[in-house]
Structures are given as structure tokens and as C-alpha cells.
Amino acid sequence: MELANLTTSDVAKLDRNCPVVIPVAAVEQHASHLPLATDSLLLGEVLRRTQLQCGNHSLFLPLMWLGNSHHHLDFAGTLSAQPRTWIDLLGGTIDNMLDHGFKRLLVVNGHGGNCVPVSQCLFEKRQEQRRRDDLLLLGSTYWTLGDPASHDLIWAQSEMGHACEWETSMILRLDASLVGDFENLPDVSMEPSFPPADRAWLTQERSKAGYIGSPSQATAEKGEALFDCFSRGLVDLIHRVGAWDGVSW
């Protein structure tokens, strides 16, 4: 079910143990070959496929397209909220659903820059609601919900980059007319520079072109495999949320 298509009377009648999906993504640079809305388009397609399989057993909120994308601001067209502003916006949405009586909330993320703010927001919300023992507050990024290697294809990447083999493949599958010249783009390394430490970075430091990974290896066939893998993983997670007994860790 999509919240935006329901009436207030419809929502009032819903089981409060119904899984509530809160999708968050971004509008930001994706190099010269992919559209600014890439993250939102890709998560939107994963959600569309997921909803077809979940039916009326879960509630999907509208996708929040504004992300935390400050590391891309050197590239024209990127839109970004300050991290604290973004956390508060997501937190307010969570508060709304808790005030309406829902107990099982799943934030589904479609942008790497949102990962830390999502975790921070959920951590804060759980502390605010520490006296309650009936809440399930979860966050997950869609490309962690499946293993593309399970498909019989040759992959250049084993994880998500940026405007990379994975994202370019999925946009090719979604709408090839949105994809610019990618076939001759050289690889940009996805390896960290100071392992095992995590380095603070700006995109332009890692890639003047704005992509990270191997976009030249993208195909629409790979895009279909990725969409299939990640949507099935999200369906499984939502079913687990719905089946939670309300007590178990």
C-alpha cells in the first residue's frame, strides 16, 4: 500500500503492526553519463517491484528525494541538506508514524551518503523511546540486501560504487535513453586509501570525473539481475519485519 494513495480513514483502519517502509534517496551528480536523479530512480524501481510482491501487507511512504550529499557539492546540480537538518527531517517523519501508532518502521536507503545519518537518526529515536518495548526500528541500504554474484554473469565489481557498473547497468535497464557515453570510461579504483582506517573524503578527491568503479562494464542484463536481486532481498526483509513476534531480539 502507498500512504499517499490512501485516505485518512484508510490509514486509521490499518493494523499498527503493519511494516512501514520509509524510503530515502538523493538528487546529486552521477558523472557525465547518468542523471542527477539516479539514486531516487533506482530505489523507486526496487520499491515498485517490492510492492508488487508485498500486496497490502506493508505500508510505503513517499520517497524522500533530498539526501545528505555534501561530498558531491563540487559538481553542478547536486542538491543536499545539512546532515543535522536531514537527520531531523527523517526523525520527524519517524515521529509522525510513531504518533499514528505504528510500531515497525524500516528506513530503506538508496544513497551512500545517507548511511551514517540514517544510523544516527535511528539510534537517537530508540533512545528517545527507551521506555517502550514494542518498537522495531530498522535501517537498511537496498544494495546490501542481496548478492549479485548469485546470477551467472561476469561482474567487475563486488560492491556498489558511484555511477559505476551497478548503477549504470540499472539505469540502462530502466531507461537507456537516460544514459550517456559510458563504454570507454576508464575504471576508477574503489579501494580505500588508508585501510583499515576510514578516510573522510570529497568525491572530487577520489574522482575528477565524478564516478567510482567500472561503468564501462555495465549492461542492461546486469541491471535486471541487480533489480531482481535487491527487490527480492527487500521483500524477504519486509516479511521478517511483519513476522516479528514483538519480543525476540
Protein backbone atom coordinates (compact mmCIF):
# COMPACT_ATOMS: atom_id res chain seq x y z
CA MET A 1 0.00 0.00 0.00
CA GLU A 2 1.16 3.52 -0.75
CA LEU A 3 0.40 6.02 2.01
CA ALA A 4 -0.05 8.84 -0.50
CA ASN A 5 -2.90 7.00 -2.23
CA LEU A 6 -4.86 6.22 0.95
CA THR A 7 -7.40 8.35 2.77
CA THR A 8 -7.03 9.22 6.43
CA SER A 9 -9.89 6.77 7.13
CA ASP A 10 -7.99 4.03 5.31
CA VAL A 11 -4.89 4.63 7.42
CA ALA A 12 -6.89 4.70 10.66
CA LYS A 13 -8.08 1.15 9.97
CA LEU A 14 -4.63 -0.36 9.38
CA ASP A 15 -3.04 -2.88 11.74
CA ARG A 16 -0.41 -0.96 13.74
CA ASN A 17 1.93 -3.94 13.46
CA CYS A 18 1.97 -3.45 9.69
CA PRO A 19 5.56 -2.87 8.44
CA VAL A 20 6.06 0.76 7.46
CA VAL A 21 8.69 1.42 4.77
CA ILE A 22 10.31 4.88 4.72
CA PRO A 23 12.42 5.26 1.53
CA VAL A 24 15.20 7.85 1.36
CA ALA A 25 17.48 8.66 -1.57
CA ALA A 26 19.09 11.71 -3.21
CA VAL A 27 19.39 14.05 -6.20
CA GLU A 28 23.08 14.53 -6.91
CA GLN A 29 25.77 14.31 -9.58
CA HIS A 30 26.35 10.93 -11.20
CA ALA A 31 29.21 11.89 -13.52
CA SER A 32 28.55 12.89 -17.12
CA HIS A 33 26.70 9.73 -18.15
CA LEU A 34 23.90 9.31 -15.58
CA PRO A 35 21.08 11.65 -14.44
CA LEU A 36 21.08 13.56 -11.17
CA ALA A 37 18.04 11.56 -10.00
CA THR A 38 19.83 8.21 -10.36
CA ASP A 39 19.60 7.21 -6.68
CA SER A 40 15.92 8.11 -6.46
CA LEU A 41 15.09 6.40 -9.76
CA LEU A 42 16.85 3.18 -8.78
CA LEU A 43 15.36 2.95 -5.31
CA GLY A 44 11.97 3.80 -6.82
CA GLU A 45 12.20 0.79 -9.14
CA VAL A 46 13.30 -1.52 -6.32
CA LEU A 47 10.30 -0.31 -4.32
CA ARG A 48 7.92 -0.75 -7.27
CA ARG A 49 8.95 -4.37 -7.70
CA THR A 50 8.81 -4.96 -3.96
CA GLN A 51 5.29 -3.57 -3.62
CA LEU A 52 4.03 -5.90 -6.33
CA GLN A 53 5.10 -8.83 -4.18
CA CYS A 54 4.09 -7.43 -0.77
CA GLY A 55 0.50 -6.53 -1.63
CA ASN A 56 -1.47 -4.96 1.22
CA HIS A 57 0.72 -6.34 3.99
CA SER A 58 3.02 -3.30 4.24
CA LEU A 59 2.75 0.49 4.05
CA PHE A 60 5.12 2.50 1.83
CA LEU A 61 5.70 6.20 2.44
CA PRO A 62 6.59 8.57 -0.43
CA LEU A 63 10.26 8.55 -1.34
CA MET A 64 12.28 11.32 0.32
CA TRP A 65 14.43 12.55 -2.59
CA LEU A 66 16.58 15.11 -0.75
CA GLY A 67 19.67 13.44 0.64
CA ASN A 68 22.86 14.20 2.53
CA SER A 69 25.13 14.79 -0.46
CA HIS A 70 27.62 17.43 0.65
CA HIS A 71 30.57 15.38 -0.65
CA HIS A 72 29.21 15.90 -4.19
CA LEU A 73 28.63 19.67 -3.96
CA ASP A 74 31.67 20.47 -6.13
CA PHE A 75 29.63 19.13 -9.06
CA ALA A 76 26.87 21.23 -10.62
CA GLY A 77 23.26 20.28 -9.92
CA THR A 78 23.80 18.41 -6.66
CA LEU A 79 21.15 19.10 -4.01
CA SER A 80 21.95 18.42 -0.37
CA ALA A 81 20.62 19.03 3.13
CA GLN A 82 22.92 19.72 6.06
CA PRO A 83 23.47 16.45 7.96
CA ARG A 84 21.68 17.63 11.12
CA THR A 85 18.80 19.04 9.09
CA TRP A 86 18.50 15.76 7.22
CA ILE A 87 18.55 13.69 10.42
CA ASP A 88 15.85 15.90 11.91
CA LEU A 89 13.70 15.63 8.78
CA LEU A 90 13.87 11.83 8.82
CA GLY A 91 13.39 11.83 12.59
CA GLY A 92 10.28 13.95 12.26
CA THR A 93 8.84 11.51 9.72
CA ILE A 94 9.53 8.64 12.12
CA ASP A 95 7.88 10.59 14.93
CA ASN A 96 4.79 11.11 12.75
CA MET A 97 4.39 7.38 12.18
CA LEU A 98 5.00 6.57 15.85
CA ASP A 99 2.39 9.17 16.83
CA HIS A 100 -0.04 7.45 14.46
CA GLY A 101 0.54 4.25 16.40
CA PHE A 102 2.76 2.27 14.02
CA LYS A 103 5.43 0.15 15.69
CA ARG A 104 7.55 -1.46 12.97
CA LEU A 105 9.45 1.05 10.86
CA LEU A 106 12.01 0.24 8.18
CA VAL A 107 14.06 3.01 6.59
CA VAL A 108 15.21 1.85 3.14
CA ASN A 109 18.12 3.89 1.82
CA GLY A 110 19.24 4.39 -1.76
CA HIS A 111 22.27 6.69 -1.35
CA GLY A 112 25.64 6.01 0.26
CA GLY A 113 25.86 9.45 1.86
CA ASN A 114 22.69 8.72 3.83
CA CYS A 115 24.07 5.60 5.55
CA VAL A 116 25.61 7.30 8.58
CA PRO A 117 22.74 9.81 9.09
CA VAL A 118 20.16 7.00 8.91
CA SER A 119 22.01 5.05 11.59
CA GLN A 120 22.40 8.16 13.76
CA CYS A 121 18.71 9.04 13.43
CA LEU A 122 17.51 5.55 14.37
CA PHE A 123 19.95 5.39 17.28
CA GLU A 124 18.61 8.69 18.62
CA LYS A 125 14.98 7.66 18.16
CA ARG A 126 15.49 4.42 20.06
CA GLN A 127 16.98 6.33 22.99
CA GLU A 128 14.05 8.76 22.97
CA GLN A 129 11.65 5.81 23.09
CA ARG A 130 13.70 3.77 25.57
CA ARG A 131 10.72 3.01 27.85
CA ARG A 132 8.89 1.21 25.05
CA ASP A 133 9.49 -2.48 24.40
CA ASP A 134 7.17 -2.85 21.40
CA LEU A 135 9.17 -0.95 18.76
CA LEU A 136 11.18 -2.28 15.85
CA LEU A 137 13.27 0.48 14.23
CA LEU A 138 15.41 -0.69 11.30
CA GLY A 139 17.55 0.83 8.60
CA SER A 140 18.97 -0.85 5.50
CA THR A 141 20.54 0.21 2.21
CA TYR A 142 18.98 -1.65 -0.72
CA TRP A 143 22.19 -2.84 -2.37
CA THR A 144 23.18 -4.75 0.79
CA LEU A 145 20.05 -6.92 0.55
CA GLY A 146 21.29 -9.42 -2.00
CA ASP A 147 24.36 -10.87 -3.68
CA PRO A 148 24.53 -10.23 -7.45
CA ALA A 149 27.18 -12.95 -7.72
CA SER A 150 24.31 -15.42 -7.40
CA HIS A 151 23.46 -14.55 -11.01
CA ASP A 152 25.54 -16.25 -13.71
CA LEU A 153 27.16 -13.09 -15.03
CA ILE A 154 30.70 -11.71 -15.03
CA TRP A 155 30.97 -8.78 -12.63
CA ALA A 156 33.77 -6.23 -12.50
CA GLN A 157 32.58 -5.05 -9.06
CA SER A 158 31.64 -6.95 -5.91
CA GLU A 159 30.05 -3.93 -4.23
CA MET A 160 28.36 -0.64 -5.04
CA GLY A 161 30.46 2.27 -6.28
CA HIS A 162 29.10 5.50 -7.71
CA ALA A 163 27.79 5.92 -11.27
CA CYS A 164 29.53 2.58 -11.63
CA GLU A 165 28.92 -0.81 -13.24
CA TRP A 166 25.95 -1.45 -10.96
CA GLU A 167 24.20 1.91 -11.16
CA THR A 168 24.86 2.32 -14.88
CA SER A 169 23.51 -1.18 -15.53
CA MET A 170 20.31 -0.48 -13.61
CA ILE A 171 19.67 2.82 -15.38
CA LEU A 172 20.30 1.04 -18.71
CA ARG A 173 17.63 -1.47 -17.73
CA LEU A 174 15.26 1.23 -16.51
CA ASP A 175 15.62 3.70 -19.40
CA ALA A 176 18.64 3.51 -21.70
CA SER A 177 17.82 6.96 -23.11
CA LEU A 178 18.96 8.44 -19.78
CA VAL A 179 22.49 7.03 -20.15
CA GLY A 180 25.26 8.99 -21.87
CA ASP A 181 28.59 7.72 -23.20
CA PHE A 182 29.94 5.16 -20.75
CA GLU A 183 31.55 2.42 -22.86
CA ASN A 184 35.01 3.98 -22.93
CA LEU A 185 35.24 5.35 -19.41
CA PRO A 186 38.36 4.10 -17.57
CA ASP A 187 37.96 2.39 -14.21
CA VAL A 188 38.30 4.45 -11.04
CA SER A 189 39.53 2.40 -8.10
CA MET A 190 37.09 1.61 -5.32
CA GLU A 191 39.86 0.62 -2.90
CA PRO A 192 40.26 2.66 0.32
CA SER A 193 43.47 4.68 0.58
CA PHE A 194 44.38 4.07 4.24
CA PRO A 195 42.92 0.71 5.29
CA PRO A 196 41.82 -0.26 7.84
CA ALA A 197 41.14 3.40 8.72
CA ASP A 198 38.13 5.23 7.28
CA ARG A 199 39.23 8.39 5.50
CA ALA A 200 37.00 11.46 5.29
CA TRP A 201 36.73 12.35 1.62
CA LEU A 202 35.17 14.52 -1.04
CA THR A 203 34.18 12.94 -4.34
CA GLN A 204 36.46 15.23 -6.33
CA GLU A 205 39.45 13.96 -4.33
CA ARG A 206 38.75 10.40 -5.45
CA SER A 207 37.43 11.06 -8.94
CA LYS A 208 37.61 14.26 -11.00
CA ALA A 209 35.05 12.71 -13.36
CA GLY A 210 32.58 12.04 -10.53
CA TYR A 211 32.27 8.25 -10.82
CA ILE A 212 33.89 5.47 -8.80
CA GLY A 213 34.06 1.93 -10.18
CA SER A 214 33.75 0.39 -13.64
CA PRO A 215 30.86 1.92 -15.61
CA SER A 216 32.21 0.61 -18.92
CA GLN A 217 31.27 -2.92 -17.84
CA ALA A 218 27.57 -2.08 -17.47
CA THR A 219 24.81 -3.89 -19.38
CA ALA A 220 21.02 -3.86 -19.18
CA GLU A 221 21.14 -7.61 -18.47
CA LYS A 222 23.20 -6.91 -15.37
CA GLY A 223 20.73 -4.19 -14.44
CA GLU A 224 17.84 -6.65 -14.50
CA ALA A 225 19.81 -9.09 -12.34
CA LEU A 226 20.54 -6.33 -9.82
CA PHE A 227 16.93 -5.16 -9.64
CA ASP A 228 15.77 -8.75 -9.20
CA CYS A 229 18.34 -9.49 -6.51
CA PHE A 230 17.72 -6.37 -4.44
CA SER A 231 13.93 -6.35 -4.68
CA ARG A 232 13.74 -9.99 -3.60
CA GLY A 233 16.01 -9.17 -0.68
CA LEU A 234 13.78 -6.28 0.37
CA VAL A 235 10.67 -8.45 0.14
CA ASP A 236 12.30 -11.01 2.43
CA LEU A 237 13.25 -8.31 4.95
CA ILE A 238 9.75 -6.83 4.99
CA HIS A 239 8.26 -10.29 5.56
CA ARG A 240 10.65 -10.76 8.50
CA VAL A 241 9.51 -7.43 9.96
CA GLY A 242 5.87 -8.47 9.62
CA ALA A 243 6.54 -11.86 11.20
CA TRP A 244 8.43 -10.47 14.23
CA ASP A 245 6.87 -11.75 17.43
CA GLY A 246 7.24 -8.36 19.14
CA VAL A 247 9.66 -9.71 21.74
CA SER A 248 12.65 -11.55 20.30
CA TRP A 249 15.96 -9.77 19.72
